[in-house]
Amino acid sequence: MLLVPAMLILVIAAVFGFPIHPVGLVLLLILPALLTAVISATSNSLGMILKNIGSLAAIVTGMQLPLTLLVGVLLPLSFGPKWLQHIAHFNPLFYDVEAAF
């Protein structure tokens, strides 16, 4: 599910002159695919343990905002304080975003 929108964005970017590096592109598409598999398995197992959609939604929402902030997608980490930049290195998503740029 993640690869189709990524490929569409890459095609549009290539049309506008974004340089495409084949090896980097393959690695960049493998990382989100693996991440999607891990998050999907974690979500399924939490759903089976909790057996309540409200509890699962609370956990997912509670984890989503801090993780996306620590990745640097919503706000560049270079604008954040030093302690936030150091904590971001413990987030595996940080490396995926850094590899993309």
N, C-alpha and C. Protein backbone atom coordinates (compact mmCIF):
# COMPACT_ATOMS: atom_id res chain seq x y z
N MET A 1 0.82 -1.20 0.00
CA MET A 1 0.00 0.00 0.00
C MET A 1 0.86 1.27 0.00
N LEU A 2 2.01 1.19 0.58
CA LEU A 2 2.86 2.36 0.68
C LEU A 2 3.68 2.58 -0.59
N LEU A 3 3.96 1.52 -1.32
CA LEU A 3 4.82 1.64 -2.49
C LEU A 3 4.15 2.33 -3.67
N VAL A 4 2.85 2.16 -3.84
CA VAL A 4 2.16 2.77 -4.98
C VAL A 4 2.17 4.30 -4.86
N PRO A 5 1.77 4.89 -3.73
CA PRO A 5 1.87 6.36 -3.64
C PRO A 5 3.31 6.86 -3.73
N ALA A 6 4.25 6.11 -3.17
CA ALA A 6 5.65 6.52 -3.25
C ALA A 6 6.13 6.54 -4.70
N MET A 7 5.77 5.54 -5.46
CA MET A 7 6.16 5.50 -6.87
C MET A 7 5.51 6.64 -7.65
N LEU A 8 4.26 6.96 -7.34
CA LEU A 8 3.57 8.05 -8.02
C LEU A 8 4.28 9.38 -7.73
N ILE A 9 4.66 9.60 -6.49
CA ILE A 9 5.37 10.83 -6.12
C ILE A 9 6.73 10.88 -6.81
N LEU A 10 7.41 9.74 -6.89
CA LEU A 10 8.72 9.70 -7.55
C LEU A 10 8.61 9.99 -9.04
N VAL A 11 7.57 9.50 -9.68
CA VAL A 11 7.37 9.77 -11.11
C VAL A 11 7.12 11.27 -11.33
N ILE A 12 6.27 11.85 -10.49
CA ILE A 12 5.99 13.29 -10.60
C ILE A 12 7.27 14.09 -10.34
N ALA A 13 8.04 13.68 -9.33
CA ALA A 13 9.29 14.39 -9.02
C ALA A 13 10.28 14.28 -10.17
N ALA A 14 10.35 13.11 -10.80
CA ALA A 14 11.27 12.93 -11.94
C ALA A 14 10.87 13.82 -13.11
N VAL A 15 9.57 13.98 -13.32
CA VAL A 15 9.10 14.85 -14.40
C VAL A 15 9.55 16.30 -14.15
N PHE A 16 9.57 16.71 -12.87
CA PHE A 16 9.98 18.07 -12.55
C PHE A 16 11.50 18.22 -12.38
N GLY A 17 12.26 17.17 -12.69
CA GLY A 17 13.71 17.29 -12.70
C GLY A 17 14.44 16.78 -11.46
N PHE A 18 13.76 16.11 -10.57
CA PHE A 18 14.41 15.55 -9.38
C PHE A 18 15.32 14.40 -9.82
N PRO A 19 16.61 14.44 -9.43
CA PRO A 19 17.50 13.35 -9.86
C PRO A 19 17.19 12.04 -9.14
N ILE A 20 17.06 10.98 -9.89
CA ILE A 20 16.74 9.66 -9.33
C ILE A 20 18.01 8.80 -9.35
N HIS A 21 18.40 8.29 -8.19
CA HIS A 21 19.54 7.38 -8.08
C HIS A 21 18.98 5.97 -7.86
N PRO A 22 19.20 5.04 -8.77
CA PRO A 22 18.55 3.73 -8.71
C PRO A 22 18.80 2.96 -7.41
N VAL A 23 20.04 2.90 -6.95
CA VAL A 23 20.34 2.13 -5.74
C VAL A 23 19.70 2.78 -4.52
N GLY A 24 19.82 4.10 -4.43
CA GLY A 24 19.20 4.83 -3.33
C GLY A 24 17.69 4.70 -3.35
N LEU A 25 17.11 4.69 -4.55
CA LEU A 25 15.67 4.55 -4.69
C LEU A 25 15.20 3.20 -4.18
N VAL A 26 15.91 2.15 -4.51
CA VAL A 26 15.54 0.80 -4.05
C VAL A 26 15.61 0.74 -2.52
N LEU A 27 16.69 1.25 -1.95
CA LEU A 27 16.82 1.25 -0.49
C LEU A 27 15.74 2.10 0.16
N LEU A 28 15.44 3.23 -0.45
CA LEU A 28 14.43 4.12 0.11
C LEU A 28 13.04 3.49 0.06
N LEU A 29 12.77 2.63 -0.89
CA LEU A 29 11.48 1.96 -0.96
C LEU A 29 11.43 0.72 -0.07
N ILE A 30 12.58 0.10 0.19
CA ILE A 30 12.62 -1.07 1.07
C ILE A 30 12.38 -0.67 2.52
N LEU A 31 12.98 0.43 2.95
CA LEU A 31 12.83 0.86 4.35
C LEU A 31 11.37 1.11 4.74
N PRO A 32 10.60 1.90 3.99
CA PRO A 32 9.19 2.07 4.36
C PRO A 32 8.37 0.78 4.27
N ALA A 33 8.72 -0.10 3.33
CA ALA A 33 8.00 -1.37 3.22
C ALA A 33 8.22 -2.23 4.47
N LEU A 34 9.47 -2.29 4.93
CA LEU A 34 9.75 -3.03 6.16
C LEU A 34 9.08 -2.38 7.37
N LEU A 35 9.12 -1.06 7.41
CA LEU A 35 8.49 -0.34 8.51
C LEU A 35 6.98 -0.57 8.53
N THR A 36 6.37 -0.59 7.36
CA THR A 36 4.93 -0.86 7.27
C THR A 36 4.61 -2.26 7.78
N ALA A 37 5.44 -3.23 7.44
CA ALA A 37 5.21 -4.60 7.92
C ALA A 37 5.33 -4.69 9.44
N VAL A 38 6.33 -4.01 10.01
CA VAL A 38 6.52 -4.04 11.46
C VAL A 38 5.37 -3.35 12.18
N ILE A 39 4.96 -2.20 11.69
CA ILE A 39 3.86 -1.46 12.33
C ILE A 39 2.55 -2.23 12.20
N SER A 40 2.34 -2.87 11.06
CA SER A 40 1.12 -3.65 10.86
C SER A 40 1.07 -4.84 11.82
N ALA A 41 2.19 -5.53 11.96
CA ALA A 41 2.22 -6.68 12.88
C ALA A 41 2.02 -6.23 14.32
N THR A 42 2.62 -5.11 14.69
CA THR A 42 2.47 -4.59 16.05
C THR A 42 1.02 -4.17 16.30
N SER A 43 0.42 -3.51 15.36
CA SER A 43 -0.97 -3.08 15.50
C SER A 43 -1.92 -4.27 15.61
N ASN A 44 -1.69 -5.28 14.79
CA ASN A 44 -2.53 -6.48 14.86
C ASN A 44 -2.39 -7.19 16.21
N SER A 45 -1.18 -7.31 16.69
CA SER A 45 -0.99 -7.99 17.97
C SER A 45 -1.57 -7.17 19.12
N LEU A 46 -1.45 -5.85 19.08
CA LEU A 46 -2.07 -5.02 20.11
C LEU A 46 -3.59 -5.14 20.06
N GLY A 47 -4.14 -5.18 18.85
CA GLY A 47 -5.59 -5.35 18.71
C GLY A 47 -6.08 -6.66 19.29
N MET A 48 -5.30 -7.73 19.10
CA MET A 48 -5.69 -9.02 19.64
C MET A 48 -5.56 -9.05 21.17
N ILE A 49 -4.58 -8.34 21.70
CA ILE A 49 -4.40 -8.30 23.15
C ILE A 49 -5.47 -7.43 23.81
N LEU A 50 -5.73 -6.25 23.25
CA LEU A 50 -6.64 -5.29 23.88
C LEU A 50 -8.11 -5.62 23.65
N LYS A 51 -8.46 -6.14 22.50
CA LYS A 51 -9.83 -6.51 22.13
C LYS A 51 -10.83 -5.35 22.25
N ASN A 52 -10.31 -4.12 22.17
CA ASN A 52 -11.17 -2.95 22.27
C ASN A 52 -10.61 -1.89 21.33
N ILE A 53 -11.43 -1.45 20.38
CA ILE A 53 -10.96 -0.48 19.38
C ILE A 53 -10.59 0.85 20.01
N GLY A 54 -11.28 1.23 21.07
CA GLY A 54 -10.99 2.50 21.74
C GLY A 54 -9.62 2.50 22.39
N SER A 55 -9.25 1.39 22.99
CA SER A 55 -7.93 1.29 23.62
C SER A 55 -6.82 1.29 22.57
N LEU A 56 -7.05 0.58 21.49
CA LEU A 56 -6.05 0.55 20.41
C LEU A 56 -5.88 1.93 19.79
N ALA A 57 -6.99 2.63 19.57
CA ALA A 57 -6.92 3.97 18.99
C ALA A 57 -6.16 4.92 19.92
N ALA A 58 -6.38 4.80 21.22
CA ALA A 58 -5.68 5.67 22.18
C ALA A 58 -4.17 5.41 22.15
N ILE A 59 -3.77 4.16 22.07
CA ILE A 59 -2.35 3.83 22.05
C ILE A 59 -1.71 4.30 20.75
N VAL A 60 -2.37 4.05 19.63
CA VAL A 60 -1.82 4.45 18.33
C VAL A 60 -1.70 5.97 18.24
N THR A 61 -2.73 6.68 18.67
CA THR A 61 -2.70 8.14 18.63
C THR A 61 -1.65 8.69 19.58
N GLY A 62 -1.53 8.08 20.74
CA GLY A 62 -0.54 8.53 21.71
C GLY A 62 0.89 8.31 21.25
N MET A 63 1.12 7.34 20.39
CA MET A 63 2.47 7.07 19.89
C MET A 63 2.77 7.83 18.60
N GLN A 64 1.73 8.11 17.82
CA GLN A 64 1.93 8.70 16.49
C GLN A 64 2.53 10.10 16.55
N LEU A 65 2.00 10.98 17.37
CA LEU A 65 2.48 12.36 17.38
C LEU A 65 3.93 12.47 17.85
N PRO A 66 4.32 11.84 18.97
CA PRO A 66 5.74 11.94 19.34
C PRO A 66 6.68 11.34 18.30
N LEU A 67 6.30 10.23 17.68
CA LEU A 67 7.17 9.61 16.68
C LEU A 67 7.33 10.49 15.45
N THR A 68 6.23 11.09 14.99
CA THR A 68 6.34 11.95 13.81
C THR A 68 7.08 13.24 14.12
N LEU A 69 6.97 13.75 15.34
CA LEU A 69 7.74 14.93 15.71
C LEU A 69 9.22 14.61 15.76
N LEU A 70 9.58 13.43 16.27
CA LEU A 70 10.98 13.05 16.39
C LEU A 70 11.60 12.64 15.06
N VAL A 71 10.80 12.48 14.04
CA VAL A 71 11.33 12.12 12.72
C VAL A 71 11.80 13.37 11.99
N GLY A 72 11.11 14.46 12.19
CA GLY A 72 11.46 15.69 11.49
C GLY A 72 10.60 15.93 10.27
N VAL A 73 9.49 15.24 10.15
CA VAL A 73 8.60 15.45 9.02
C VAL A 73 7.72 16.67 9.25
N LEU A 74 7.17 16.80 10.44
CA LEU A 74 6.28 17.93 10.73
C LEU A 74 7.04 19.23 10.95
N LEU A 75 8.22 19.13 11.53
CA LEU A 75 9.05 20.30 11.81
C LEU A 75 10.51 19.87 11.69
N PRO A 76 11.31 20.59 10.93
CA PRO A 76 12.72 20.18 10.80
C PRO A 76 13.41 20.13 12.16
N LEU A 77 14.13 19.05 12.41
CA LEU A 77 14.80 18.89 13.70
C LEU A 77 15.90 19.92 13.92
N SER A 78 16.42 20.48 12.85
CA SER A 78 17.47 21.49 13.01
C SER A 78 16.94 22.74 13.71
N PHE A 79 15.63 22.96 13.67
CA PHE A 79 15.03 24.09 14.37
C PHE A 79 14.76 23.79 15.84
N GLY A 80 14.80 22.53 16.21
CA GLY A 80 14.49 22.12 17.57
C GLY A 80 15.69 22.23 18.49
N PRO A 81 15.44 22.06 19.79
CA PRO A 81 16.55 22.11 20.75
C PRO A 81 17.48 20.91 20.59
N LYS A 82 18.68 21.03 21.13
CA LYS A 82 19.69 19.97 21.00
C LYS A 82 19.22 18.66 21.62
N TRP A 83 18.51 18.72 22.76
CA TRP A 83 18.09 17.49 23.41
C TRP A 83 17.11 16.72 22.52
N LEU A 84 16.28 17.45 21.77
CA LEU A 84 15.34 16.80 20.85
C LEU A 84 16.08 16.16 19.69
N GLN A 85 17.13 16.80 19.21
CA GLN A 85 17.93 16.25 18.13
C GLN A 85 18.64 14.97 18.57
N HIS A 86 19.06 14.92 19.83
CA HIS A 86 19.73 13.71 20.33
C HIS A 86 18.74 12.56 20.54
N ILE A 87 17.55 12.88 21.03
CA ILE A 87 16.53 11.85 21.26
C ILE A 87 16.07 11.27 19.92
N ALA A 88 16.04 12.09 18.87
CA ALA A 88 15.56 11.64 17.56
C ALA A 88 16.40 10.48 17.02
N HIS A 89 17.64 10.37 17.42
CA HIS A 89 18.50 9.29 16.91
C HIS A 89 18.08 7.92 17.44
N PHE A 90 17.22 7.86 18.45
CA PHE A 90 16.71 6.59 18.96
C PHE A 90 15.44 6.15 18.23
N ASN A 91 14.93 6.99 17.35
CA ASN A 91 13.72 6.70 16.58
C ASN A 91 14.14 6.11 15.23
N PRO A 92 13.75 4.87 14.92
CA PRO A 92 14.15 4.27 13.64
C PRO A 92 13.61 5.02 12.42
N LEU A 93 12.50 5.71 12.57
CA LEU A 93 11.95 6.48 11.45
C LEU A 93 12.84 7.65 11.07
N PHE A 94 13.61 8.14 12.02
CA PHE A 94 14.51 9.27 11.77
C PHE A 94 15.48 8.94 10.64
N TYR A 95 15.99 7.73 10.63
CA TYR A 95 16.98 7.35 9.63
C TYR A 95 16.35 7.19 8.25
N ASP A 96 15.10 6.79 8.20
CA ASP A 96 14.40 6.69 6.92
C ASP A 96 14.21 8.07 6.31
N VAL A 97 13.81 9.04 7.13
CA VAL A 97 13.62 10.40 6.63
C VAL A 97 14.95 11.03 6.24
N GLU A 98 16.00 10.79 7.03
CA GLU A 98 17.33 11.31 6.70
C GLU A 98 17.85 10.71 5.40
N ALA A 99 17.56 9.45 5.16
CA ALA A 99 18.00 8.81 3.91
C ALA A 99 17.29 9.40 2.71
N ALA A 100 16.06 9.86 2.91
CA ALA A 100 15.30 10.43 1.80
C ALA A 100 15.82 11.79 1.41
N PHE A 101 16.41 12.51 2.34
CA PHE A 101 16.91 13.85 2.02
C PHE A 101 18.38 13.79 1.88
